[in-house]
Amino acid sequence: MIHVRPAMPLDTGSMAKLLNAIIEAGGTSALVRPVTGDDLAEWMQYAPDRAAWHVALDGSEQVVGFQWIEPSDQLPTEAAEIATFVQIGQTGLGIGSALFTATAKAAKEMGYVWIRANIRADNIGGMTYYQSRGFRDYDVIEGYELADGTLVDKRLKRYDV
């Protein structure tokens, strides 16, 4: 059974471990360098009145996924950027769905009109996930350079809250 709740600073170590496994596996995240719990705690403080962070916990209260929305300088004030991470080997089990239910509710409560997903074009799982939540394509970024110099295309998807 999956339980979703707002993320807390005490979750950041487990969140970093989950995210670092995804980064190390490569090919799905625009992040290419490991993160620490302190990094995530700092990210959680960016625009705290306009951001929402949620964790998904399994039956033993272990973090198996997390998601956040926050404003972006690239977007109008009525739009938020979304990021979603699910533990490797745990996709397709309803974790992302449970997270998005909480995130969409929070977006509406914070007055957002739409949410943007910015996804690597080679991240088939991510593309499928956002499409299944009702996000639709609206733009493409070609030749985006990751921090390690890798060039990838990105697909931008929009969800109207």
C-alpha atoms as a PDB file:
ATOM      1  CA  MET A   1       0.000   0.000   0.000  1.00  0.00           C
ATOM      2  CA  ILE A   2       1.306   3.424  -0.996  1.00  0.00           C
ATOM      3  CA  HIS A   3       0.838   6.424   1.271  1.00  0.00           C
ATOM      4  CA  VAL A   4       1.544   9.972   0.044  1.00  0.00           C
ATOM      5  CA  ARG A   5       2.237  12.900   2.322  1.00  0.00           C
ATOM      6  CA  PRO A   6       4.070  16.229   2.161  1.00  0.00           C
ATOM      7  CA  ALA A   7       7.838  15.785   2.182  1.00  0.00           C
ATOM      8  CA  MET A   8       9.758  16.864   5.273  1.00  0.00           C
ATOM      9  CA  PRO A   9      13.435  17.706   5.812  1.00  0.00           C
ATOM     10  CA  LEU A  10      13.852  14.316   7.502  1.00  0.00           C
ATOM     11  CA  ASP A  11      12.944  12.651   4.174  1.00  0.00           C
ATOM     12  CA  THR A  12      15.724  14.274   2.182  1.00  0.00           C
ATOM     13  CA  GLY A  13      18.366  11.606   2.853  1.00  0.00           C
ATOM     14  CA  SER A  14      16.091   8.842   1.549  1.00  0.00           C
ATOM     15  CA  MET A  15      15.010  11.020  -1.359  1.00  0.00           C
ATOM     16  CA  ALA A  16      18.649  11.694  -2.310  1.00  0.00           C
ATOM     17  CA  LYS A  17      19.454   7.969  -2.194  1.00  0.00           C
ATOM     18  CA  LEU A  18      16.537   7.196  -4.519  1.00  0.00           C
ATOM     19  CA  LEU A  19      17.430  10.033  -6.895  1.00  0.00           C
ATOM     20  CA  ASN A  20      21.127   9.134  -6.967  1.00  0.00           C
ATOM     21  CA  ALA A  21      20.283   5.591  -8.061  1.00  0.00           C
ATOM     22  CA  ILE A  22      18.305   7.083 -10.973  1.00  0.00           C
ATOM     23  CA  ILE A  23      21.138   9.486 -11.843  1.00  0.00           C
ATOM     24  CA  GLU A  24      23.687   6.661 -11.702  1.00  0.00           C
ATOM     25  CA  ALA A  25      21.568   4.469 -13.986  1.00  0.00           C
ATOM     26  CA  GLY A  26      21.459   7.379 -16.465  1.00  0.00           C
ATOM     27  CA  GLY A  27      19.267   8.034 -19.432  1.00  0.00           C
ATOM     28  CA  THR A  28      16.156   9.452 -17.795  1.00  0.00           C
ATOM     29  CA  SER A  29      17.034  12.494 -15.696  1.00  0.00           C
ATOM     30  CA  ALA A  30      18.505  15.813 -16.767  1.00  0.00           C
ATOM     31  CA  LEU A  31      20.464  15.594 -13.504  1.00  0.00           C
ATOM     32  CA  VAL A  32      23.860  13.996 -14.066  1.00  0.00           C
ATOM     33  CA  ARG A  33      25.660  14.613 -10.756  1.00  0.00           C
ATOM     34  CA  PRO A  34      24.796  13.013  -7.398  1.00  0.00           C
ATOM     35  CA  VAL A  35      22.813  15.043  -4.881  1.00  0.00           C
ATOM     36  CA  THR A  36      22.817  15.056  -1.101  1.00  0.00           C
ATOM     37  CA  GLY A  37      20.014  15.295   1.394  1.00  0.00           C
ATOM     38  CA  ASP A  38      21.235  18.817   2.124  1.00  0.00           C
ATOM     39  CA  ASP A  39      20.878  19.691  -1.576  1.00  0.00           C
ATOM     40  CA  LEU A  40      17.275  18.523  -1.548  1.00  0.00           C
ATOM     41  CA  ALA A  41      16.548  20.332   1.723  1.00  0.00           C
ATOM     42  CA  GLU A  42      17.863  23.500   0.091  1.00  0.00           C
ATOM     43  CA  TRP A  43      15.770  22.917  -3.042  1.00  0.00           C
ATOM     44  CA  MET A  44      12.711  22.472  -0.844  1.00  0.00           C
ATOM     45  CA  GLN A  45      13.235  26.000   0.472  1.00  0.00           C
ATOM     46  CA  TYR A  46      13.090  27.562  -2.995  1.00  0.00           C
ATOM     47  CA  ALA A  47       9.813  29.508  -3.150  1.00  0.00           C
ATOM     48  CA  PRO A  48       8.239  27.594  -0.231  1.00  0.00           C
ATOM     49  CA  ASP A  49       4.885  29.397  -0.621  1.00  0.00           C
ATOM     50  CA  ARG A  50       4.706  28.428  -4.321  1.00  0.00           C
ATOM     51  CA  ALA A  51       6.145  24.896  -4.165  1.00  0.00           C
ATOM     52  CA  ALA A  52       4.719  21.557  -3.075  1.00  0.00           C
ATOM     53  CA  TRP A  53       6.833  18.484  -2.342  1.00  0.00           C
ATOM     54  CA  HIS A  54       5.326  15.037  -1.755  1.00  0.00           C
ATOM     55  CA  VAL A  55       6.792  11.645  -0.920  1.00  0.00           C
ATOM     56  CA  ALA A  56       5.303   8.226  -1.556  1.00  0.00           C
ATOM     57  CA  LEU A  57       5.923   5.690   1.190  1.00  0.00           C
ATOM     58  CA  ASP A  58       5.509   1.926   1.033  1.00  0.00           C
ATOM     59  CA  GLY A  59       4.022  -0.228   3.782  1.00  0.00           C
ATOM     60  CA  SER A  60       7.265  -0.088   5.773  1.00  0.00           C
ATOM     61  CA  GLU A  61       7.375   3.731   5.540  1.00  0.00           C
ATOM     62  CA  GLN A  62      10.276   3.716   3.043  1.00  0.00           C
ATOM     63  CA  VAL A  63      10.389   6.466   0.425  1.00  0.00           C
ATOM     64  CA  VAL A  64       9.637   4.856  -2.953  1.00  0.00           C
ATOM     65  CA  GLY A  65       9.004   8.059  -4.894  1.00  0.00           C
ATOM     66  CA  PHE A  66       8.746  11.803  -4.690  1.00  0.00           C
ATOM     67  CA  GLN A  67       7.419  14.662  -6.749  1.00  0.00           C
ATOM     68  CA  TRP A  68       7.455  18.408  -6.583  1.00  0.00           C
ATOM     69  CA  ILE A  69       6.129  21.462  -8.335  1.00  0.00           C
ATOM     70  CA  GLU A  70       7.616  24.912  -8.143  1.00  0.00           C
ATOM     71  CA  PRO A  71       7.696  28.146 -10.103  1.00  0.00           C
ATOM     72  CA  SER A  72      10.261  28.599 -12.863  1.00  0.00           C
ATOM     73  CA  ASP A  73      11.834  31.728 -14.310  1.00  0.00           C
ATOM     74  CA  GLN A  74      11.032  30.207 -17.722  1.00  0.00           C
ATOM     75  CA  LEU A  75       7.298  30.139 -17.015  1.00  0.00           C
ATOM     76  CA  PRO A  76       4.549  32.670 -16.315  1.00  0.00           C
ATOM     77  CA  THR A  77       3.455  32.990 -12.680  1.00  0.00           C
ATOM     78  CA  GLU A  78       0.343  30.872 -13.279  1.00  0.00           C
ATOM     79  CA  ALA A  79       2.469  27.849 -14.259  1.00  0.00           C
ATOM     80  CA  ALA A  80       4.596  25.439 -12.238  1.00  0.00           C
ATOM     81  CA  GLU A  81       7.365  23.038 -13.250  1.00  0.00           C
ATOM     82  CA  ILE A  82       7.026  19.404 -12.132  1.00  0.00           C
ATOM     83  CA  ALA A  83       9.616  16.744 -11.346  1.00  0.00           C
ATOM     84  CA  THR A  84       8.867  13.106 -10.537  1.00  0.00           C
ATOM     85  CA  PHE A  85      11.144  10.317  -9.339  1.00  0.00           C
ATOM     86  CA  VAL A  86      10.134   6.727  -8.578  1.00  0.00           C
ATOM     87  CA  GLN A  87      12.466   4.100  -7.176  1.00  0.00           C
ATOM     88  CA  ILE A  88      14.057   1.941  -9.862  1.00  0.00           C
ATOM     89  CA  GLY A  89      12.088  -1.266 -10.243  1.00  0.00           C
ATOM     90  CA  GLN A  90       8.946   0.233  -8.686  1.00  0.00           C
ATOM     91  CA  THR A  91       7.429   1.954 -11.706  1.00  0.00           C
ATOM     92  CA  GLY A  92       4.000   0.921 -12.910  1.00  0.00           C
ATOM     93  CA  LEU A  93       2.753   0.186  -9.386  1.00  0.00           C
ATOM     94  CA  GLY A  94       0.645   3.322  -8.868  1.00  0.00           C
ATOM     95  CA  ILE A  95       3.313   5.382  -7.073  1.00  0.00           C
ATOM     96  CA  GLY A  96       3.362   8.114  -9.714  1.00  0.00           C
ATOM     97  CA  SER A  97      -0.430   8.192  -9.870  1.00  0.00           C
ATOM     98  CA  ALA A  98      -0.707   8.619  -6.114  1.00  0.00           C
ATOM     99  CA  LEU A  99       1.914  11.365  -6.141  1.00  0.00           C
ATOM    100  CA  PHE A 100       0.223  13.243  -8.971  1.00  0.00           C
ATOM    101  CA  THR A 101      -3.160  13.171  -7.255  1.00  0.00           C
ATOM    102  CA  ALA A 102      -1.603  15.023  -4.299  1.00  0.00           C
ATOM    103  CA  THR A 103       0.435  17.352  -6.514  1.00  0.00           C
ATOM    104  CA  ALA A 104      -2.471  18.344  -8.768  1.00  0.00           C
ATOM    105  CA  LYS A 105      -4.569  19.137  -5.691  1.00  0.00           C
ATOM    106  CA  ALA A 106      -1.751  21.264  -4.242  1.00  0.00           C
ATOM    107  CA  ALA A 107      -1.285  23.074  -7.573  1.00  0.00           C
ATOM    108  CA  LYS A 108      -4.942  23.997  -7.660  1.00  0.00           C
ATOM    109  CA  GLU A 109      -4.873  25.167  -4.027  1.00  0.00           C
ATOM    110  CA  MET A 110      -1.831  27.366  -4.757  1.00  0.00           C
ATOM    111  CA  GLY A 111      -3.611  28.957  -7.706  1.00  0.00           C
ATOM    112  CA  TYR A 112      -1.604  27.446 -10.535  1.00  0.00           C
ATOM    113  CA  VAL A 113      -3.443  27.239 -13.867  1.00  0.00           C
ATOM    114  CA  TRP A 114      -1.117  24.740 -15.545  1.00  0.00           C
ATOM    115  CA  ILE A 115       1.882  22.506 -14.900  1.00  0.00           C
ATOM    116  CA  ARG A 116       4.815  21.961 -17.247  1.00  0.00           C
ATOM    117  CA  ALA A 117       6.749  18.721 -17.515  1.00  0.00           C
ATOM    118  CA  ASN A 118      10.189  19.130 -19.114  1.00  0.00           C
ATOM    119  CA  ILE A 119      11.236  15.599 -20.129  1.00  0.00           C
ATOM    120  CA  ARG A 120      14.242  14.127 -21.893  1.00  0.00           C
ATOM    121  CA  ALA A 121      12.984  12.811 -25.236  1.00  0.00           C
ATOM    122  CA  ASP A 122      14.810   9.508 -24.610  1.00  0.00           C
ATOM    123  CA  ASN A 123      12.987   9.019 -21.286  1.00  0.00           C
ATOM    124  CA  ILE A 124      10.207   6.824 -22.666  1.00  0.00           C
ATOM    125  CA  GLY A 125       8.926   5.940 -19.185  1.00  0.00           C
ATOM    126  CA  GLY A 126       8.669   9.601 -18.212  1.00  0.00           C
ATOM    127  CA  MET A 127       6.946  10.509 -21.463  1.00  0.00           C
ATOM    128  CA  THR A 128       4.442   7.690 -20.977  1.00  0.00           C
ATOM    129  CA  TYR A 129       3.854   8.641 -17.326  1.00  0.00           C
ATOM    130  CA  TYR A 130       3.042  12.288 -18.029  1.00  0.00           C
ATOM    131  CA  GLN A 131       0.922  11.400 -21.068  1.00  0.00           C
ATOM    132  CA  SER A 132      -1.105   8.991 -18.904  1.00  0.00           C
ATOM    133  CA  ARG A 133      -1.742  11.785 -16.395  1.00  0.00           C
ATOM    134  CA  GLY A 134      -3.244  13.992 -19.125  1.00  0.00           C
ATOM    135  CA  PHE A 135      -0.221  16.105 -20.071  1.00  0.00           C
ATOM    136  CA  ARG A 136      -0.090  17.061 -23.736  1.00  0.00           C
ATOM    137  CA  ASP A 137       2.856  18.056 -25.932  1.00  0.00           C
ATOM    138  CA  TYR A 138       3.304  21.747 -26.590  1.00  0.00           C
ATOM    139  CA  ASP A 139       6.967  22.346 -27.476  1.00  0.00           C
ATOM    140  CA  VAL A 140      10.368  20.752 -28.095  1.00  0.00           C
ATOM    141  CA  ILE A 141      13.865  21.820 -27.069  1.00  0.00           C
ATOM    142  CA  GLU A 142      16.448  20.366 -29.449  1.00  0.00           C
ATOM    143  CA  GLY A 143      20.082  19.885 -28.480  1.00  0.00           C
ATOM    144  CA  TYR A 144      19.750  20.710 -24.772  1.00  0.00           C
ATOM    145  CA  GLU A 145      23.158  20.434 -23.093  1.00  0.00           C
ATOM    146  CA  LEU A 146      23.250  18.591 -19.775  1.00  0.00           C
ATOM    147  CA  ALA A 147      25.784  19.559 -17.098  1.00  0.00           C
ATOM    148  CA  ASP A 148      28.136  16.807 -18.298  1.00  0.00           C
ATOM    149  CA  GLY A 149      28.055  18.047 -21.904  1.00  0.00           C
ATOM    150  CA  THR A 150      25.639  15.403 -23.206  1.00  0.00           C
ATOM    151  CA  LEU A 151      23.178  16.761 -25.763  1.00  0.00           C
ATOM    152  CA  VAL A 152      19.568  15.590 -25.546  1.00  0.00           C
ATOM    153  CA  ASP A 153      16.263  16.701 -26.964  1.00  0.00           C
ATOM    154  CA  LYS A 154      13.552  17.613 -24.493  1.00  0.00           C
ATOM    155  CA  ARG A 155       9.801  17.420 -24.798  1.00  0.00           C
ATOM    156  CA  LEU A 156       7.633  19.954 -23.014  1.00  0.00           C
ATOM    157  CA  LYS A 157       4.210  18.789 -21.884  1.00  0.00           C
ATOM    158  CA  ARG A 158       1.398  20.796 -20.313  1.00  0.00           C
ATOM    159  CA  TYR A 159      -1.325  19.817 -17.872  1.00  0.00           C
ATOM    160  CA  ASP A 160      -4.182  22.247 -17.229  1.00  0.00           C
ATOM    161  CA  VAL A 161      -5.091  22.141 -13.549  1.00  0.00           C
END
